[in-house]
Amino acid sequence: LPIDESRKWVRLPSENIRAILVLEPIRGNLSMESMASIIAFDLDLPLI
């Protein structure tokens, strides 16, 4: 896993899917929209 200390995520090496592992644990009661906002704002990644 190409882990960079400054990042909060890791891109999984997969040919079939574009998968990203978010390293920080989350609360179990988050909605899909809350997870999407973590991706967009905290991780600064586009939602493709």
ModelCIF file with pLDDT and N, C-alpha, C, O atoms, coordinates in Angstrom:
data_MODEL
#
_entry.id   MODEL 
#
_entity.id                         1 
_entity.type                       polymer 
_entity.pdbx_number_of_molecules   1 
#
_entity_poly.entity_id                      1 
_entity_poly.type                           'polypeptide(L)' 
_entity_poly.nstd_linkage                   no 
_entity_poly.nstd_monomer                   no 
_entity_poly.pdbx_seq_one_letter_code       LPIDESRKWVRLPSENIRAILVLEPIRGNLSMESMASIIAFDLDLPLI 
_entity_poly.pdbx_seq_one_letter_code_can   LPIDESRKWVRLPSENIRAILVLEPIRGNLSMESMASIIAFDLDLPLI 
_entity_poly.pdbx_strand_id                 A 
#
loop_
_entity_poly_seq.entity_id 
_entity_poly_seq.num 
_entity_poly_seq.mon_id 
_entity_poly_seq.hetero 
1 1  LEU n 
1 2  PRO n 
1 3  ILE n 
1 4  ASP n 
1 5  GLU n 
1 6  SER n 
1 7  ARG n 
1 8  LYS n 
1 9  TRP n 
1 10 VAL n 
1 11 ARG n 
1 12 LEU n 
1 13 PRO n 
1 14 SER n 
1 15 GLU n 
1 16 ASN n 
1 17 ILE n 
1 18 ARG n 
1 19 ALA n 
1 20 ILE n 
1 21 LEU n 
1 22 VAL n 
1 23 LEU n 
1 24 GLU n 
1 25 PRO n 
1 26 ILE n 
1 27 ARG n 
1 28 GLY n 
1 29 ASN n 
1 30 LEU n 
1 31 SER n 
1 32 MET n 
1 33 GLU n 
1 34 SER n 
1 35 MET n 
1 36 ALA n 
1 37 SER n 
1 38 ILE n 
1 39 ILE n 
1 40 ALA n 
1 41 PHE n 
1 42 ASP n 
1 43 LEU n 
1 44 ASP n 
1 45 LEU n 
1 46 PRO n 
1 47 LEU n 
1 48 ILE n 
#
_struct_asym.id          A 
_struct_asym.entity_id   1 
#
loop_
_ma_qa_metric.id 
_ma_qa_metric.mode 
_ma_qa_metric.name 
_ma_qa_metric.software_group_id 
_ma_qa_metric.type 
1 global pLDDT . pLDDT 
2 local  pLDDT . pLDDT 
#
_ma_qa_metric_global.metric_id      1 
_ma_qa_metric_global.metric_value   84.96 
_ma_qa_metric_global.model_id       1 
_ma_qa_metric_global.ordinal_id     1 
#
loop_
_ma_qa_metric_local.label_asym_id 
_ma_qa_metric_local.label_comp_id 
_ma_qa_metric_local.label_seq_id 
_ma_qa_metric_local.metric_id 
_ma_qa_metric_local.metric_value 
_ma_qa_metric_local.model_id 
_ma_qa_metric_local.ordinal_id 
A LEU 1  2 78.00 1 1  
A PRO 2  2 75.00 1 2  
A ILE 3  2 70.00 1 3  
A ASP 4  2 68.00 1 4  
A GLU 5  2 67.00 1 5  
A SER 6  2 70.00 1 6  
A ARG 7  2 76.00 1 7  
A LYS 8  2 83.00 1 8  
A TRP 9  2 87.00 1 9  
A VAL 10 2 84.00 1 10 
A ARG 11 2 84.00 1 11 
A LEU 12 2 82.00 1 12 
A PRO 13 2 79.00 1 13 
A SER 14 2 75.00 1 14 
A GLU 15 2 74.00 1 15 
A ASN 16 2 75.00 1 16 
A ILE 17 2 77.00 1 17 
A ARG 18 2 86.00 1 18 
A ALA 19 2 87.00 1 19 
A ILE 20 2 89.00 1 20 
A LEU 21 2 88.00 1 21 
A VAL 22 2 89.00 1 22 
A LEU 23 2 84.00 1 23 
A GLU 24 2 86.00 1 24 
A PRO 25 2 87.00 1 25 
A ILE 26 2 90.00 1 26 
A ARG 27 2 89.00 1 27 
A GLY 28 2 84.00 1 28 
A ASN 29 2 88.00 1 29 
A LEU 30 2 89.00 1 30 
A SER 31 2 90.00 1 31 
A MET 32 2 90.00 1 32 
A GLU 33 2 91.00 1 33 
A SER 34 2 92.00 1 34 
A MET 35 2 93.00 1 35 
A ALA 36 2 92.00 1 36 
A SER 37 2 92.00 1 37 
A ILE 38 2 92.00 1 38 
A ILE 39 2 92.00 1 39 
A ALA 40 2 91.00 1 40 
A PHE 41 2 92.00 1 41 
A ASP 42 2 90.00 1 42 
A LEU 43 2 89.00 1 43 
A ASP 44 2 90.00 1 44 
A LEU 45 2 90.00 1 45 
A PRO 46 2 91.00 1 46 
A LEU 47 2 91.00 1 47 
A ILE 48 2 90.00 1 48 
#
loop_
_atom_site.group_PDB 
_atom_site.id 
_atom_site.type_symbol 
_atom_site.label_atom_id 
_atom_site.label_alt_id 
_atom_site.label_comp_id 
_atom_site.label_asym_id 
_atom_site.label_entity_id 
_atom_site.label_seq_id 
_atom_site.pdbx_PDB_ins_code 
_atom_site.Cartn_x 
_atom_site.Cartn_y 
_atom_site.Cartn_z 
_atom_site.occupancy 
_atom_site.B_iso_or_equiv 
_atom_site.pdbx_formal_charge 
_atom_site.auth_seq_id 
_atom_site.auth_comp_id 
_atom_site.auth_asym_id 
_atom_site.auth_atom_id 
_atom_site.pdbx_PDB_model_num 
ATOM 1   N N  . LEU A 1 1  ? 0.858   -1.179 0.000   1.00 78.00 ? 1  LEU A N  1 
ATOM 2   C CA . LEU A 1 1  ? 0.000   0.000  0.000   1.00 78.00 ? 1  LEU A CA 1 
ATOM 3   C C  . LEU A 1 1  ? 0.896   1.232  0.000   1.00 78.00 ? 1  LEU A C  1 
ATOM 4   O O  . LEU A 1 1  ? 1.693   1.411  0.921   1.00 78.00 ? 1  LEU A O  1 
ATOM 5   N N  . PRO A 1 2  ? 0.780   2.070  -1.002  1.00 75.00 ? 2  PRO A N  1 
ATOM 6   C CA . PRO A 1 2  ? 1.636   3.264  -1.048  1.00 75.00 ? 2  PRO A CA 1 
ATOM 7   C C  . PRO A 1 2  ? 1.168   4.327  -0.051  1.00 75.00 ? 2  PRO A C  1 
ATOM 8   O O  . PRO A 1 2  ? 0.504   5.293  -0.426  1.00 75.00 ? 2  PRO A O  1 
ATOM 9   N N  . ILE A 1 3  ? 1.520   4.136  1.210   1.00 70.00 ? 3  ILE A N  1 
ATOM 10  C CA . ILE A 1 3  ? 1.062   5.047  2.269   1.00 70.00 ? 3  ILE A CA 1 
ATOM 11  C C  . ILE A 1 3  ? 2.021   6.220  2.376   1.00 70.00 ? 3  ILE A C  1 
ATOM 12  O O  . ILE A 1 3  ? 3.231   6.047  2.520   1.00 70.00 ? 3  ILE A O  1 
ATOM 13  N N  . ASP A 1 4  ? 1.451   7.419  2.300   1.00 68.00 ? 4  ASP A N  1 
ATOM 14  C CA . ASP A 1 4  ? 2.192   8.656  2.470   1.00 68.00 ? 4  ASP A CA 1 
ATOM 15  C C  . ASP A 1 4  ? 1.744   9.251  3.797   1.00 68.00 ? 4  ASP A C  1 
ATOM 16  O O  . ASP A 1 4  ? 0.544   9.394  4.031   1.00 68.00 ? 4  ASP A O  1 
ATOM 17  N N  . GLU A 1 5  ? 2.672   9.596  4.659   1.00 67.00 ? 5  GLU A N  1 
ATOM 18  C CA . GLU A 1 5  ? 2.348   10.102 5.995   1.00 67.00 ? 5  GLU A CA 1 
ATOM 19  C C  . GLU A 1 5  ? 1.460   11.347 5.971   1.00 67.00 ? 5  GLU A C  1 
ATOM 20  O O  . GLU A 1 5  ? 0.667   11.556 6.889   1.00 67.00 ? 5  GLU A O  1 
ATOM 21  N N  . SER A 1 6  ? 1.583   12.167 4.942   1.00 70.00 ? 6  SER A N  1 
ATOM 22  C CA . SER A 1 6  ? 0.817   13.406 4.897   1.00 70.00 ? 6  SER A CA 1 
ATOM 23  C C  . SER A 1 6  ? -0.617  13.188 4.413   1.00 70.00 ? 6  SER A C  1 
ATOM 24  O O  . SER A 1 6  ? -1.468  14.058 4.599   1.00 70.00 ? 6  SER A O  1 
ATOM 25  N N  . ARG A 1 7  ? -0.889  12.058 3.804   1.00 76.00 ? 7  ARG A N  1 
ATOM 26  C CA . ARG A 1 7  ? -2.238  11.785 3.288   1.00 76.00 ? 7  ARG A CA 1 
ATOM 27  C C  . ARG A 1 7  ? -3.085  11.062 4.321   1.00 76.00 ? 7  ARG A C  1 
ATOM 28  O O  . ARG A 1 7  ? -2.584  10.402 5.231   1.00 76.00 ? 7  ARG A O  1 
ATOM 29  N N  . LYS A 1 8  ? -4.393  11.217 4.138   1.00 83.00 ? 8  LYS A N  1 
ATOM 30  C CA . LYS A 1 8  ? -5.342  10.530 5.005   1.00 83.00 ? 8  LYS A CA 1 
ATOM 31  C C  . LYS A 1 8  ? -6.021  9.386  4.269   1.00 83.00 ? 8  LYS A C  1 
ATOM 32  O O  . LYS A 1 8  ? -7.019  8.845  4.745   1.00 83.00 ? 8  LYS A O  1 
ATOM 33  N N  . TRP A 1 9  ? -5.487  9.014  3.113   1.00 87.00 ? 9  TRP A N  1 
ATOM 34  C CA . TRP A 1 9  ? -6.081  7.959  2.300   1.00 87.00 ? 9  TRP A CA 1 
ATOM 35  C C  . TRP A 1 9  ? -5.009  7.218  1.518   1.00 87.00 ? 9  TRP A C  1 
ATOM 36  O O  . TRP A 1 9  ? -3.884  7.697  1.374   1.00 87.00 ? 9  TRP A O  1 
ATOM 37  N N  . VAL A 1 10 ? -5.378  6.024  1.004   1.00 84.00 ? 10 VAL A N  1 
ATOM 38  C CA . VAL A 1 10 ? -4.485  5.191  0.209   1.00 84.00 ? 10 VAL A CA 1 
ATOM 39  C C  . VAL A 1 10 ? -5.273  4.655  -0.985  1.00 84.00 ? 10 VAL A C  1 
ATOM 40  O O  . VAL A 1 10 ? -6.397  4.179  -0.828  1.00 84.00 ? 10 VAL A O  1 
ATOM 41  N N  . ARG A 1 11 ? -4.688  4.730  -2.167  1.00 84.00 ? 11 ARG A N  1 
ATOM 42  C CA . ARG A 1 11 ? -5.314  4.141  -3.348  1.00 84.00 ? 11 ARG A CA 1 
ATOM 43  C C  . ARG A 1 11 ? -4.966  2.658  -3.369  1.00 84.00 ? 11 ARG A C  1 
ATOM 44  O O  . ARG A 1 11 ? -3.792  2.289  -3.329  1.00 84.00 ? 11 ARG A O  1 
ATOM 45  N N  . LEU A 1 12 ? -5.992  1.808  -3.432  1.00 82.00 ? 12 LEU A N  1 
ATOM 46  C CA . LEU A 1 12 ? -5.760  0.365  -3.449  1.00 82.00 ? 12 LEU A CA 1 
ATOM 47  C C  . LEU A 1 12 ? -5.297  -0.071 -4.829  1.00 82.00 ? 12 LEU A C  1 
ATOM 48  O O  . LEU A 1 12 ? -5.860  0.356  -5.837  1.00 82.00 ? 12 LEU A O  1 
ATOM 49  N N  . PRO A 1 13 ? -4.283  -0.912 -4.881  1.00 79.00 ? 13 PRO A N  1 
ATOM 50  C CA . PRO A 1 13 ? -3.814  -1.403 -6.176  1.00 79.00 ? 13 PRO A CA 1 
ATOM 51  C C  . PRO A 1 13 ? -4.782  -2.444 -6.740  1.00 79.00 ? 13 PRO A C  1 
ATOM 52  O O  . PRO A 1 13 ? -4.734  -3.614 -6.362  1.00 79.00 ? 13 PRO A O  1 
ATOM 53  N N  . SER A 1 14 ? -5.656  -2.012 -7.640  1.00 75.00 ? 14 SER A N  1 
ATOM 54  C CA . SER A 1 14 ? -6.633  -2.906 -8.252  1.00 75.00 ? 14 SER A CA 1 
ATOM 55  C C  . SER A 1 14 ? -6.823  -2.503 -9.698  1.00 75.00 ? 14 SER A C  1 
ATOM 56  O O  . SER A 1 14 ? -6.917  -1.317 -10.015 1.00 75.00 ? 14 SER A O  1 
ATOM 57  N N  . GLU A 1 15 ? -6.879  -3.494 -10.577 1.00 74.00 ? 15 GLU A N  1 
ATOM 58  C CA . GLU A 1 15 ? -7.059  -3.210 -11.998 1.00 74.00 ? 15 GLU A CA 1 
ATOM 59  C C  . GLU A 1 15 ? -8.526  -3.012 -12.348 1.00 74.00 ? 15 GLU A C  1 
ATOM 60  O O  . GLU A 1 15 ? -8.852  -2.268 -13.274 1.00 74.00 ? 15 GLU A O  1 
ATOM 61  N N  . ASN A 1 16 ? -9.415  -3.677 -11.610 1.00 75.00 ? 16 ASN A N  1 
ATOM 62  C CA . ASN A 1 16 ? -10.828 -3.673 -11.962 1.00 75.00 ? 16 ASN A CA 1 
ATOM 63  C C  . ASN A 1 16 ? -11.596 -2.466 -11.429 1.00 75.00 ? 16 ASN A C  1 
ATOM 64  O O  . ASN A 1 16 ? -12.530 -1.993 -12.076 1.00 75.00 ? 16 ASN A O  1 
ATOM 65  N N  . ILE A 1 17 ? -11.215 -1.971 -10.270 1.00 77.00 ? 17 ILE A N  1 
ATOM 66  C CA . ILE A 1 17 ? -11.971 -0.882 -9.653  1.00 77.00 ? 17 ILE A CA 1 
ATOM 67  C C  . ILE A 1 17 ? -11.033 0.230  -9.206  1.00 77.00 ? 17 ILE A C  1 
ATOM 68  O O  . ILE A 1 17 ? -9.850  -0.001 -8.956  1.00 77.00 ? 17 ILE A O  1 
ATOM 69  N N  . ARG A 1 18 ? -11.573 1.430  -9.110  1.00 86.00 ? 18 ARG A N  1 
ATOM 70  C CA . ARG A 1 18 ? -10.823 2.554  -8.541  1.00 86.00 ? 18 ARG A CA 1 
ATOM 71  C C  . ARG A 1 18 ? -11.232 2.665  -7.077  1.00 86.00 ? 18 ARG A C  1 
ATOM 72  O O  . ARG A 1 18 ? -12.256 3.261  -6.744  1.00 86.00 ? 18 ARG A O  1 
ATOM 73  N N  . ALA A 1 19 ? -10.418 2.084  -6.223  1.00 87.00 ? 19 ALA A N  1 
ATOM 74  C CA . ALA A 1 19 ? -10.757 2.011  -4.809  1.00 87.00 ? 19 ALA A CA 1 
ATOM 75  C C  . ALA A 1 19 ? -9.776  2.810  -3.976  1.00 87.00 ? 19 ALA A C  1 
ATOM 76  O O  . ALA A 1 19 ? -8.569  2.797  -4.216  1.00 87.00 ? 19 ALA A O  1 
ATOM 77  N N  . ILE A 1 20 ? -10.323 3.507  -2.988  1.00 89.00 ? 20 ILE A N  1 
ATOM 78  C CA . ILE A 1 20 ? -9.527  4.329  -2.087  1.00 89.00 ? 20 ILE A CA 1 
ATOM 79  C C  . ILE A 1 20 ? -9.884  3.956  -0.654  1.00 89.00 ? 20 ILE A C  1 
ATOM 80  O O  . ILE A 1 20 ? -11.059 3.867  -0.296  1.00 89.00 ? 20 ILE A O  1 
ATOM 81  N N  . LEU A 1 21 ? -8.865  3.742  0.152   1.00 88.00 ? 21 LEU A N  1 
ATOM 82  C CA . LEU A 1 21 ? -9.016  3.382  1.551   1.00 88.00 ? 21 LEU A CA 1 
ATOM 83  C C  . LEU A 1 21 ? -8.836  4.651  2.380   1.00 88.00 ? 21 LEU A C  1 
ATOM 84  O O  . LEU A 1 21 ? -7.768  5.263  2.348   1.00 88.00 ? 21 LEU A O  1 
ATOM 85  N N  . VAL A 1 22 ? -9.857  5.046  3.112   1.00 89.00 ? 22 VAL A N  1 
ATOM 86  C CA . VAL A 1 22 ? -9.765  6.200  4.004   1.00 89.00 ? 22 VAL A CA 1 
ATOM 87  C C  . VAL A 1 22 ? -9.185  5.704  5.324   1.00 89.00 ? 22 VAL A C  1 
ATOM 88  O O  . VAL A 1 22 ? -9.761  4.826  5.967   1.00 89.00 ? 22 VAL A O  1 
ATOM 89  N N  . LEU A 1 23 ? -8.046  6.264  5.731   1.00 84.00 ? 23 LEU A N  1 
ATOM 90  C CA . LEU A 1 23 ? -7.290  5.714  6.867   1.00 84.00 ? 23 LEU A CA 1 
ATOM 91  C C  . LEU A 1 23 ? -7.909  6.011  8.227   1.00 84.00 ? 23 LEU A C  1 
ATOM 92  O O  . LEU A 1 23 ? -7.828  5.183  9.134   1.00 84.00 ? 23 LEU A O  1 
ATOM 93  N N  . GLU A 1 24 ? -8.520  7.166  8.381   1.00 86.00 ? 24 GLU A N  1 
ATOM 94  C CA . GLU A 1 24 ? -9.079  7.538  9.680   1.00 86.00 ? 24 GLU A CA 1 
ATOM 95  C C  . GLU A 1 24 ? -10.419 6.837  9.921   1.00 86.00 ? 24 GLU A C  1 
ATOM 96  O O  . GLU A 1 24 ? -11.287 6.867  9.049   1.00 86.00 ? 24 GLU A O  1 
ATOM 97  N N  . PRO A 1 25 ? -10.603 6.212  11.079  1.00 87.00 ? 25 PRO A N  1 
ATOM 98  C CA . PRO A 1 25 ? -11.898 5.589  11.391  1.00 87.00 ? 25 PRO A CA 1 
ATOM 99  C C  . PRO A 1 25 ? -13.000 6.634  11.536  1.00 87.00 ? 25 PRO A C  1 
ATOM 100 O O  . PRO A 1 25 ? -12.736 7.785  11.882  1.00 87.00 ? 25 PRO A O  1 
ATOM 101 N N  . ILE A 1 26 ? -14.239 6.218  11.267  1.00 90.00 ? 26 ILE A N  1 
ATOM 102 C CA . ILE A 1 26 ? -15.389 7.121  11.365  1.00 90.00 ? 26 ILE A CA 1 
ATOM 103 C C  . ILE A 1 26 ? -16.402 6.575  12.367  1.00 90.00 ? 26 ILE A C  1 
ATOM 104 O O  . ILE A 1 26 ? -16.324 5.414  12.769  1.00 90.00 ? 26 ILE A O  1 
ATOM 105 N N  . ARG A 1 27 ? -17.352 7.417  12.765  1.00 89.00 ? 27 ARG A N  1 
ATOM 106 C CA . ARG A 1 27 ? -18.469 6.964  13.598  1.00 89.00 ? 27 ARG A CA 1 
ATOM 107 C C  . ARG A 1 27 ? -19.367 6.062  12.755  1.00 89.00 ? 27 ARG A C  1 
ATOM 108 O O  . ARG A 1 27 ? -19.471 6.247  11.543  1.00 89.00 ? 27 ARG A O  1 
ATOM 109 N N  . GLY A 1 28 ? -20.000 5.111  13.376  1.00 84.00 ? 28 GLY A N  1 
ATOM 110 C CA . GLY A 1 28 ? -20.833 4.164  12.653  1.00 84.00 ? 28 GLY A CA 1 
ATOM 111 C C  . GLY A 1 28 ? -22.167 4.699  12.207  1.00 84.00 ? 28 GLY A C  1 
ATOM 112 O O  . GLY A 1 28 ? -22.854 4.040  11.427  1.00 84.00 ? 28 GLY A O  1 
ATOM 113 N N  . ASN A 1 29 ? -22.563 5.869  12.670  1.00 88.00 ? 29 ASN A N  1 
ATOM 114 C CA . ASN A 1 29 ? -23.890 6.374  12.336  1.00 88.00 ? 29 ASN A CA 1 
ATOM 115 C C  . ASN A 1 29 ? -23.869 7.490  11.283  1.00 88.00 ? 29 ASN A C  1 
ATOM 116 O O  . ASN A 1 29 ? -24.827 8.256  11.189  1.00 88.00 ? 29 ASN A O  1 
ATOM 117 N N  . LEU A 1 30 ? -22.809 7.594  10.500  1.00 89.00 ? 30 LEU A N  1 
ATOM 118 C CA . LEU A 1 30 ? -22.733 8.643  9.481   1.00 89.00 ? 30 LEU A CA 1 
ATOM 119 C C  . LEU A 1 30 ? -23.590 8.288  8.261   1.00 89.00 ? 30 LEU A C  1 
ATOM 120 O O  . LEU A 1 30 ? -23.710 7.120  7.893   1.00 89.00 ? 30 LEU A O  1 
ATOM 121 N N  . SER A 1 31 ? -24.169 9.292  7.655   1.00 90.00 ? 31 SER A N  1 
ATOM 122 C CA . SER A 1 31 ? -24.962 9.078  6.439   1.00 90.00 ? 31 SER A CA 1 
ATOM 123 C C  . SER A 1 31 ? -24.042 9.062  5.221   1.00 90.00 ? 31 SER A C  1 
ATOM 124 O O  . SER A 1 31 ? -22.856 9.380  5.309   1.00 90.00 ? 31 SER A O  1 
ATOM 125 N N  . MET A 1 32 ? -24.623 8.683  4.082   1.00 90.00 ? 32 MET A N  1 
ATOM 126 C CA . MET A 1 32 ? -23.847 8.687  2.833   1.00 90.00 ? 32 MET A CA 1 
ATOM 127 C C  . MET A 1 32 ? -23.375 10.091 2.494   1.00 90.00 ? 32 MET A C  1 
ATOM 128 O O  . MET A 1 32 ? -22.255 10.274 2.015   1.00 90.00 ? 32 MET A O  1 
ATOM 129 N N  . GLU A 1 33 ? -24.215 11.076 2.738   1.00 91.00 ? 33 GLU A N  1 
ATOM 130 C CA . GLU A 1 33 ? -23.854 12.459 2.451   1.00 91.00 ? 33 GLU A CA 1 
ATOM 131 C C  . GLU A 1 33 ? -22.692 12.920 3.332   1.00 91.00 ? 33 GLU A C  1 
ATOM 132 O O  . GLU A 1 33 ? -21.819 13.662 2.879   1.00 91.00 ? 33 GLU A O  1 
ATOM 133 N N  . SER A 1 34 ? -22.684 12.476 4.593   1.00 92.00 ? 34 SER A N  1 
ATOM 134 C CA . SER A 1 34 ? -21.580 12.832 5.491   1.00 92.00 ? 34 SER A CA 1 
ATOM 135 C C  . SER A 1 34 ? -20.275 12.205 5.017   1.00 92.00 ? 34 SER A C  1 
ATOM 136 O O  . SER A 1 34 ? -19.220 12.836 5.075   1.00 92.00 ? 34 SER A O  1 
ATOM 137 N N  . MET A 1 35 ? -20.350 10.959 4.548   1.00 93.00 ? 35 MET A N  1 
ATOM 138 C CA . MET A 1 35 ? -19.156 10.304 4.017   1.00 93.00 ? 35 MET A CA 1 
ATOM 139 C C  . MET A 1 35 ? -18.668 11.015 2.758   1.00 93.00 ? 35 MET A C  1 
ATOM 140 O O  . MET A 1 35 ? -17.466 11.193 2.561   1.00 93.00 ? 35 MET A O  1 
ATOM 141 N N  . ALA A 1 36 ? -19.610 11.418 1.909   1.00 92.00 ? 36 ALA A N  1 
ATOM 142 C CA . ALA A 1 36 ? -19.241 12.146 0.693   1.00 92.00 ? 36 ALA A CA 1 
ATOM 143 C C  . ALA A 1 36 ? -18.606 13.493 1.035   1.00 92.00 ? 36 ALA A C  1 
ATOM 144 O O  . ALA A 1 36 ? -17.681 13.928 0.349   1.00 92.00 ? 36 ALA A O  1 
ATOM 145 N N  . SER A 1 37 ? -19.085 14.152 2.079   1.00 92.00 ? 37 SER A N  1 
ATOM 146 C CA . SER A 1 37 ? -18.485 15.434 2.462   1.00 92.00 ? 37 SER A CA 1 
ATOM 147 C C  . SER A 1 37 ? -17.086 15.230 3.047   1.00 92.00 ? 37 SER A C  1 
ATOM 148 O O  . SER A 1 37 ? -16.220 16.088 2.874   1.00 92.00 ? 37 SER A O  1 
ATOM 149 N N  . ILE A 1 38 ? -16.851 14.106 3.740   1.00 92.00 ? 38 ILE A N  1 
ATOM 150 C CA . ILE A 1 38 ? -15.498 13.791 4.219   1.00 92.00 ? 38 ILE A CA 1 
ATOM 151 C C  . ILE A 1 38 ? -14.556 13.656 3.030   1.00 92.00 ? 38 ILE A C  1 
ATOM 152 O O  . ILE A 1 38 ? -13.436 14.167 3.047   1.00 92.00 ? 38 ILE A O  1 
ATOM 153 N N  . ILE A 1 39 ? -15.028 12.960 1.996   1.00 92.00 ? 39 ILE A N  1 
ATOM 154 C CA . ILE A 1 39 ? -14.219 12.758 0.793   1.00 92.00 ? 39 ILE A CA 1 
ATOM 155 C C  . ILE A 1 39 ? -13.913 14.096 0.118   1.00 92.00 ? 39 ILE A C  1 
ATOM 156 O O  . ILE A 1 39 ? -12.766 14.384 -0.223  1.00 92.00 ? 39 ILE A O  1 
ATOM 157 N N  . ALA A 1 40 ? -14.935 14.890 -0.066  1.00 91.00 ? 40 ALA A N  1 
ATOM 158 C CA . ALA A 1 40 ? -14.779 16.141 -0.813  1.00 91.00 ? 40 ALA A CA 1 
ATOM 159 C C  . ALA A 1 40 ? -14.014 17.212 -0.034  1.00 91.00 ? 40 ALA A C  1 
ATOM 160 O O  . ALA A 1 40 ? -13.163 17.897 -0.601  1.00 91.00 ? 40 ALA A O  1 
ATOM 161 N N  . PHE A 1 41 ? -14.310 17.362 1.258   1.00 92.00 ? 41 PHE A N  1 
ATOM 162 C CA . PHE A 1 41 ? -13.739 18.477 2.006   1.00 92.00 ? 41 PHE A CA 1 
ATOM 163 C C  . PHE A 1 41 ? -12.529 18.103 2.865   1.00 92.00 ? 41 PHE A C  1 
ATOM 164 O O  . PHE A 1 41 ? -11.528 18.819 2.866   1.00 92.00 ? 41 PHE A O  1 
ATOM 165 N N  . ASP A 1 42 ? -12.611 16.998 3.589   1.00 90.00 ? 42 ASP A N  1 
ATOM 166 C CA . ASP A 1 42 ? -11.489 16.613 4.452   1.00 90.00 ? 42 ASP A CA 1 
ATOM 167 C C  . ASP A 1 42 ? -10.332 16.013 3.656   1.00 90.00 ? 42 ASP A C  1 
ATOM 168 O O  . ASP A 1 42 ? -9.167  16.317 3.913   1.00 90.00 ? 42 ASP A O  1 
ATOM 169 N N  . LEU A 1 43 ? -10.668 15.148 2.677   1.00 89.00 ? 43 LEU A N  1 
ATOM 170 C CA . LEU A 1 43 ? -9.625  14.496 1.886   1.00 89.00 ? 43 LEU A CA 1 
ATOM 171 C C  . LEU A 1 43 ? -9.274  15.276 0.625   1.00 89.00 ? 43 LEU A C  1 
ATOM 172 O O  . LEU A 1 43 ? -8.250  15.020 -0.008  1.00 89.00 ? 43 LEU A O  1 
ATOM 173 N N  . ASP A 1 44 ? -10.126 16.221 0.267   1.00 90.00 ? 44 ASP A N  1 
ATOM 174 C CA . ASP A 1 44 ? -9.922  17.059 -0.911  1.00 90.00 ? 44 ASP A CA 1 
ATOM 175 C C  . ASP A 1 44 ? -9.794  16.218 -2.191  1.00 90.00 ? 44 ASP A C  1 
ATOM 176 O O  . ASP A 1 44 ? -8.906  16.439 -3.014  1.00 90.00 ? 44 ASP A O  1 
ATOM 177 N N  . LEU A 1 45 ? -10.709 15.250 -2.331  1.00 90.00 ? 45 LEU A N  1 
ATOM 178 C CA . LEU A 1 45 ? -10.730 14.391 -3.512  1.00 90.00 ? 45 LEU A CA 1 
ATOM 179 C C  . LEU A 1 45 ? -12.017 14.622 -4.299  1.00 90.00 ? 45 LEU A C  1 
ATOM 180 O O  . LEU A 1 45 ? -13.058 14.894 -3.701  1.00 90.00 ? 45 LEU A O  1 
ATOM 181 N N  . PRO A 1 46 ? -11.969 14.519 -5.624  1.00 91.00 ? 46 PRO A N  1 
ATOM 182 C CA . PRO A 1 46 ? -13.186 14.686 -6.415  1.00 91.00 ? 46 PRO A CA 1 
ATOM 183 C C  . PRO A 1 46 ? -14.068 13.441 -6.327  1.00 91.00 ? 46 PRO A C  1 
ATOM 184 O O  . PRO A 1 46 ? -13.572 12.327 -6.160  1.00 91.00 ? 46 PRO A O  1 
ATOM 185 N N  . LEU A 1 47 ? -15.364 13.641 -6.439  1.00 91.00 ? 47 LEU A N  1 
ATOM 186 C CA . LEU A 1 47 ? -16.325 12.534 -6.428  1.00 91.00 ? 47 LEU A CA 1 
ATOM 187 C C  . LEU A 1 47 ? -16.610 12.134 -7.876  1.00 91.00 ? 47 LEU A C  1 
ATOM 188 O O  . LEU A 1 47 ? -17.483 12.707 -8.528  1.00 91.00 ? 47 LEU A O  1 
ATOM 189 N N  . ILE A 1 48 ? -15.869 11.150 -8.367  1.00 90.00 ? 48 ILE A N  1 
ATOM 190 C CA . ILE A 1 48 ? -15.975 10.716 -9.756  1.00 90.00 ? 48 ILE A CA 1 
ATOM 191 C C  . ILE A 1 48 ? -16.774 9.412  -9.801  1.00 90.00 ? 48 ILE A C  1 
ATOM 192 O O  . ILE A 1 48 ? -16.990 8.857  -10.878 1.00 90.00 ? 48 ILE A O  1 
#
